[in-house]
Amino acid sequence: MAHQINITLTDNEYDALSAEAGRDDEALEELLHELLMHRLQASFSLRRPLTTSRDISLRLYHQGLIEHVPEGRPDTPEEAAERRRLAELFGQVEPDGKLASEMVIEDR
């Protein structure tokens, strides 16, 4: 079953949408469907309960609080080196090379 509605756009709104869609009526309709579905999915995901860490990550990403959703893969050597450099820069690594988190665990 399909439903049809009419919407009224200002000239500026129509120009912006058609420019984004490439001035093709079919592309314009597809763009509107895409925008609508994206908005509805984001709204729906905000109402359902968070059950996994992935759900939490996706919600934070959609709210703009994080810049990417973790993929769960191990760090590349370059990423590991950058994390180590930042840890040293911000004082989370002692001069002997031991991480502050390792020292906390040992002290327990």
N, C-alpha and C. Protein backbone atom coordinates (compact mmCIF):
# COMPACT_ATOMS: atom_id res chain seq x y z
N MET A 1 0.85 -1.17 0.00
CA MET A 1 0.00 0.00 0.00
C MET A 1 0.89 1.24 0.00
N ALA A 2 0.59 2.19 -0.81
CA ALA A 2 1.35 3.43 -0.89
C ALA A 2 0.43 4.59 -0.56
N HIS A 3 1.00 5.59 0.08
CA HIS A 3 0.26 6.80 0.42
C HIS A 3 0.92 7.97 -0.28
N GLN A 4 0.14 8.93 -0.63
CA GLN A 4 0.65 10.11 -1.31
C GLN A 4 0.25 11.34 -0.52
N ILE A 5 1.20 12.25 -0.32
CA ILE A 5 0.91 13.51 0.33
C ILE A 5 1.50 14.64 -0.50
N ASN A 6 0.96 15.79 -0.36
CA ASN A 6 1.49 16.99 -1.03
C ASN A 6 2.13 17.87 0.02
N ILE A 7 3.29 18.41 -0.31
CA ILE A 7 3.94 19.34 0.59
C ILE A 7 4.20 20.64 -0.18
N THR A 8 4.24 21.72 0.54
CA THR A 8 4.50 23.01 -0.08
C THR A 8 5.90 23.46 0.32
N LEU A 9 6.71 23.78 -0.67
CA LEU A 9 8.07 24.25 -0.44
C LEU A 9 8.21 25.67 -0.95
N THR A 10 9.03 26.43 -0.28
CA THR A 10 9.35 27.76 -0.80
C THR A 10 10.27 27.57 -2.01
N ASP A 11 10.45 28.62 -2.78
CA ASP A 11 11.35 28.54 -3.94
C ASP A 11 12.76 28.16 -3.50
N ASN A 12 13.21 28.74 -2.39
CA ASN A 12 14.56 28.43 -1.89
C ASN A 12 14.67 26.97 -1.48
N GLU A 13 13.66 26.45 -0.79
CA GLU A 13 13.69 25.05 -0.37
C GLU A 13 13.70 24.11 -1.58
N TYR A 14 12.85 24.42 -2.56
CA TYR A 14 12.79 23.58 -3.76
C TYR A 14 14.12 23.64 -4.53
N ASP A 15 14.68 24.83 -4.66
CA ASP A 15 15.96 24.97 -5.37
C ASP A 15 17.07 24.19 -4.68
N ALA A 16 17.10 24.27 -3.34
CA ALA A 16 18.12 23.56 -2.59
C ALA A 16 17.96 22.04 -2.75
N LEU A 17 16.72 21.55 -2.64
CA LEU A 17 16.48 20.12 -2.80
C LEU A 17 16.79 19.63 -4.20
N SER A 18 16.35 20.37 -5.20
CA SER A 18 16.59 19.93 -6.57
C SER A 18 18.07 20.02 -6.94
N ALA A 19 18.77 20.99 -6.39
CA ALA A 19 20.22 21.07 -6.62
C ALA A 19 20.91 19.86 -5.99
N GLU A 20 20.49 19.49 -4.80
CA GLU A 20 21.07 18.33 -4.12
C GLU A 20 20.76 17.05 -4.89
N ALA A 21 19.57 16.97 -5.45
CA ALA A 21 19.15 15.76 -6.17
C ALA A 21 19.65 15.75 -7.61
N GLY A 22 20.15 16.84 -8.11
CA GLY A 22 20.65 16.89 -9.47
C GLY A 22 19.61 17.30 -10.49
N ARG A 23 18.58 18.02 -10.07
CA ARG A 23 17.54 18.57 -10.95
C ARG A 23 16.71 17.51 -11.68
N ASP A 24 16.61 16.33 -11.14
CA ASP A 24 15.82 15.25 -11.74
C ASP A 24 14.67 14.94 -10.78
N ASP A 25 13.42 14.93 -11.27
CA ASP A 25 12.27 14.71 -10.38
C ASP A 25 12.33 13.36 -9.67
N GLU A 26 12.77 12.31 -10.38
CA GLU A 26 12.89 11.00 -9.72
C GLU A 26 13.96 11.04 -8.65
N ALA A 27 15.09 11.67 -8.95
CA ALA A 27 16.16 11.79 -7.96
C ALA A 27 15.70 12.63 -6.78
N LEU A 28 14.89 13.64 -7.05
CA LEU A 28 14.36 14.47 -5.97
C LEU A 28 13.47 13.65 -5.05
N GLU A 29 12.61 12.82 -5.62
CA GLU A 29 11.74 11.98 -4.81
C GLU A 29 12.56 10.98 -4.01
N GLU A 30 13.58 10.38 -4.63
CA GLU A 30 14.45 9.44 -3.92
C GLU A 30 15.18 10.14 -2.77
N LEU A 31 15.65 11.35 -3.01
CA LEU A 31 16.34 12.11 -1.97
C LEU A 31 15.40 12.38 -0.79
N LEU A 32 14.17 12.77 -1.08
CA LEU A 32 13.20 13.02 -0.01
C LEU A 32 12.91 11.75 0.79
N HIS A 33 12.77 10.62 0.09
CA HIS A 33 12.56 9.35 0.78
C HIS A 33 13.76 9.02 1.68
N GLU A 34 14.95 9.24 1.15
CA GLU A 34 16.18 8.97 1.90
C GLU A 34 16.25 9.83 3.16
N LEU A 35 15.97 11.13 3.00
CA LEU A 35 16.00 12.04 4.14
C LEU A 35 14.95 11.66 5.19
N LEU A 36 13.77 11.31 4.72
CA LEU A 36 12.69 10.92 5.62
C LEU A 36 13.06 9.64 6.39
N MET A 37 13.58 8.64 5.69
CA MET A 37 13.93 7.38 6.34
C MET A 37 15.06 7.58 7.34
N HIS A 38 16.03 8.42 6.99
CA HIS A 38 17.13 8.69 7.92
C HIS A 38 16.60 9.34 9.19
N ARG A 39 15.71 10.29 9.02
CA ARG A 39 15.12 10.98 10.18
C ARG A 39 14.29 10.03 11.04
N LEU A 40 13.49 9.18 10.38
CA LEU A 40 12.65 8.24 11.12
C LEU A 40 13.47 7.18 11.84
N GLN A 41 14.51 6.68 11.19
CA GLN A 41 15.37 5.68 11.83
C GLN A 41 16.08 6.27 13.04
N ALA A 42 16.56 7.50 12.91
CA ALA A 42 17.22 8.15 14.05
C ALA A 42 16.22 8.36 15.18
N SER A 43 15.01 8.77 14.86
CA SER A 43 13.99 8.98 15.88
C SER A 43 13.60 7.67 16.54
N PHE A 44 13.44 6.62 15.74
CA PHE A 44 13.07 5.31 16.28
C PHE A 44 14.18 4.77 17.18
N SER A 45 15.43 4.94 16.75
CA SER A 45 16.53 4.40 17.55
C SER A 45 16.65 5.12 18.89
N LEU A 46 16.16 6.35 18.99
CA LEU A 46 16.22 7.08 20.25
C LEU A 46 15.15 6.60 21.24
N ARG A 47 14.08 5.97 20.72
CA ARG A 47 13.00 5.54 21.60
C ARG A 47 13.16 4.12 22.10
N ARG A 48 13.88 3.29 21.37
CA ARG A 48 13.99 1.90 21.82
C ARG A 48 15.08 1.78 22.88
N PRO A 49 14.98 0.77 23.75
CA PRO A 49 15.95 0.65 24.83
C PRO A 49 17.33 0.25 24.32
N LEU A 50 18.34 0.69 25.03
CA LEU A 50 19.72 0.35 24.68
C LEU A 50 20.05 -0.98 25.32
N THR A 51 20.38 -1.96 24.50
CA THR A 51 20.66 -3.29 25.04
C THR A 51 22.10 -3.73 24.85
N THR A 52 22.80 -3.14 23.91
CA THR A 52 24.18 -3.54 23.66
C THR A 52 25.06 -2.30 23.61
N SER A 53 26.36 -2.52 23.71
CA SER A 53 27.29 -1.40 23.61
C SER A 53 27.25 -0.79 22.21
N ARG A 54 26.94 -1.60 21.21
CA ARG A 54 26.82 -1.08 19.84
C ARG A 54 25.63 -0.11 19.76
N ASP A 55 24.49 -0.46 20.40
CA ASP A 55 23.34 0.44 20.44
C ASP A 55 23.72 1.78 21.06
N ILE A 56 24.45 1.72 22.14
CA ILE A 56 24.88 2.94 22.84
C ILE A 56 25.80 3.76 21.93
N SER A 57 26.74 3.09 21.28
CA SER A 57 27.66 3.78 20.38
C SER A 57 26.92 4.44 19.23
N LEU A 58 25.95 3.73 18.65
CA LEU A 58 25.19 4.30 17.54
C LEU A 58 24.39 5.51 17.98
N ARG A 59 23.79 5.44 19.16
CA ARG A 59 23.02 6.59 19.65
C ARG A 59 23.93 7.80 19.88
N LEU A 60 25.09 7.56 20.49
CA LEU A 60 26.04 8.65 20.71
C LEU A 60 26.53 9.24 19.39
N TYR A 61 26.73 8.38 18.39
CA TYR A 61 27.16 8.85 17.08
C TYR A 61 26.07 9.71 16.43
N HIS A 62 24.82 9.25 16.47
CA HIS A 62 23.72 10.02 15.87
C HIS A 62 23.47 11.34 16.60
N GLN A 63 23.80 11.38 17.88
CA GLN A 63 23.63 12.62 18.64
C GLN A 63 24.83 13.56 18.46
N GLY A 64 25.85 13.09 17.76
CA GLY A 64 27.02 13.91 17.49
C GLY A 64 28.00 13.99 18.65
N LEU A 65 27.91 13.07 19.59
CA LEU A 65 28.79 13.10 20.76
C LEU A 65 30.10 12.34 20.52
N ILE A 66 30.11 11.42 19.57
CA ILE A 66 31.34 10.72 19.19
C ILE A 66 31.48 10.83 17.68
N GLU A 67 32.70 10.71 17.19
CA GLU A 67 32.93 10.93 15.75
C GLU A 67 32.92 9.66 14.92
N HIS A 68 32.98 8.49 15.55
CA HIS A 68 32.88 7.24 14.80
C HIS A 68 32.39 6.14 15.74
N VAL A 69 31.85 5.08 15.14
CA VAL A 69 31.38 3.93 15.92
C VAL A 69 32.51 2.91 15.93
N PRO A 70 32.95 2.48 17.11
CA PRO A 70 34.04 1.51 17.17
C PRO A 70 33.69 0.23 16.43
N GLU A 71 34.67 -0.30 15.70
CA GLU A 71 34.44 -1.49 14.89
C GLU A 71 34.80 -2.78 15.60
N GLY A 72 35.47 -2.69 16.73
CA GLY A 72 35.84 -3.89 17.47
C GLY A 72 37.05 -4.61 16.91
N ARG A 73 37.80 -3.96 16.05
CA ARG A 73 38.99 -4.59 15.50
C ARG A 73 40.21 -4.12 16.29
N PRO A 74 41.29 -4.90 16.29
CA PRO A 74 42.49 -4.46 17.01
C PRO A 74 43.12 -3.24 16.34
N ASP A 75 43.83 -2.45 17.13
CA ASP A 75 44.52 -1.28 16.59
C ASP A 75 45.61 -1.70 15.62
N THR A 76 45.79 -0.87 14.59
CA THR A 76 46.93 -1.08 13.69
C THR A 76 48.19 -0.65 14.43
N PRO A 77 49.37 -1.05 13.97
CA PRO A 77 50.60 -0.60 14.65
C PRO A 77 50.71 0.93 14.72
N GLU A 78 50.22 1.62 13.68
CA GLU A 78 50.27 3.09 13.69
C GLU A 78 49.35 3.66 14.76
N GLU A 79 48.14 3.08 14.88
CA GLU A 79 47.19 3.55 15.89
C GLU A 79 47.72 3.27 17.30
N ALA A 80 48.32 2.09 17.49
CA ALA A 80 48.89 1.75 18.80
C ALA A 80 50.03 2.71 19.16
N ALA A 81 50.86 3.03 18.18
CA ALA A 81 51.96 3.97 18.43
C ALA A 81 51.43 5.35 18.78
N GLU A 82 50.37 5.79 18.10
CA GLU A 82 49.78 7.10 18.40
C GLU A 82 49.16 7.12 19.79
N ARG A 83 48.48 6.04 20.18
CA ARG A 83 47.92 5.97 21.54
C ARG A 83 49.03 6.03 22.58
N ARG A 84 50.12 5.32 22.33
CA ARG A 84 51.25 5.31 23.26
C ARG A 84 51.84 6.73 23.37
N ARG A 85 51.99 7.41 22.21
CA ARG A 85 52.55 8.76 22.21
C ARG A 85 51.66 9.72 23.01
N LEU A 86 50.34 9.61 22.80
CA LEU A 86 49.42 10.48 23.54
C LEU A 86 49.42 10.16 25.03
N ALA A 87 49.53 8.88 25.38
CA ALA A 87 49.59 8.50 26.80
C ALA A 87 50.82 9.09 27.46
N GLU A 88 51.94 9.04 26.75
CA GLU A 88 53.17 9.64 27.30
C GLU A 88 53.03 11.16 27.40
N LEU A 89 52.42 11.76 26.39
CA LEU A 89 52.24 13.22 26.37
C LEU A 89 51.38 13.69 27.55
N PHE A 90 50.33 12.95 27.87
CA PHE A 90 49.42 13.35 28.94
C PHE A 90 49.74 12.72 30.28
N GLY A 91 50.90 12.11 30.40
CA GLY A 91 51.37 11.63 31.69
C GLY A 91 50.75 10.35 32.18
N GLN A 92 50.24 9.51 31.29
CA GLN A 92 49.67 8.24 31.73
C GLN A 92 50.70 7.12 31.71
N VAL A 93 51.92 7.43 31.29
CA VAL A 93 52.98 6.44 31.26
C VAL A 93 54.11 6.95 32.13
N GLU A 94 54.57 6.10 33.03
CA GLU A 94 55.68 6.46 33.91
C GLU A 94 56.99 6.43 33.12
N PRO A 95 58.04 7.07 33.65
CA PRO A 95 59.33 7.09 32.94
C PRO A 95 59.89 5.70 32.64
N ASP A 96 59.56 4.71 33.49
CA ASP A 96 60.07 3.36 33.24
C ASP A 96 59.26 2.62 32.17
N GLY A 97 58.25 3.27 31.59
CA GLY A 97 57.47 2.68 30.50
C GLY A 97 56.22 1.96 30.94
N LYS A 98 55.96 1.92 32.24
CA LYS A 98 54.78 1.21 32.74
C LYS A 98 53.57 2.13 32.68
N LEU A 99 52.44 1.59 32.19
CA LEU A 99 51.21 2.36 32.11
C LEU A 99 50.63 2.59 33.50
N ALA A 100 49.99 3.73 33.68
CA ALA A 100 49.36 4.04 34.97
C ALA A 100 48.27 3.01 35.29
N SER A 101 47.54 2.54 34.28
CA SER A 101 46.49 1.55 34.52
C SER A 101 47.09 0.23 35.01
N GLU A 102 48.27 -0.16 34.51
CA GLU A 102 48.93 -1.37 34.98
C GLU A 102 49.34 -1.24 36.45
N MET A 103 49.80 -0.04 36.82
CA MET A 103 50.20 0.17 38.21
C MET A 103 49.01 0.10 39.14
N VAL A 104 47.87 0.61 38.72
CA VAL A 104 46.66 0.56 39.54
C VAL A 104 46.26 -0.90 39.74
N ILE A 105 46.29 -1.67 38.68
CA ILE A 105 45.92 -3.10 38.78
C ILE A 105 46.89 -3.83 39.71
N GLU A 106 48.18 -3.55 39.62
CA GLU A 106 49.16 -4.19 40.49
C GLU A 106 48.93 -3.82 41.95
N ASP A 107 48.54 -2.56 42.21
CA ASP A 107 48.33 -2.10 43.58
C ASP A 107 47.12 -2.75 44.25
N ARG A 108 46.21 -3.26 43.46
CA ARG A 108 45.03 -3.91 44.03
C ARG A 108 45.46 -5.18 44.68
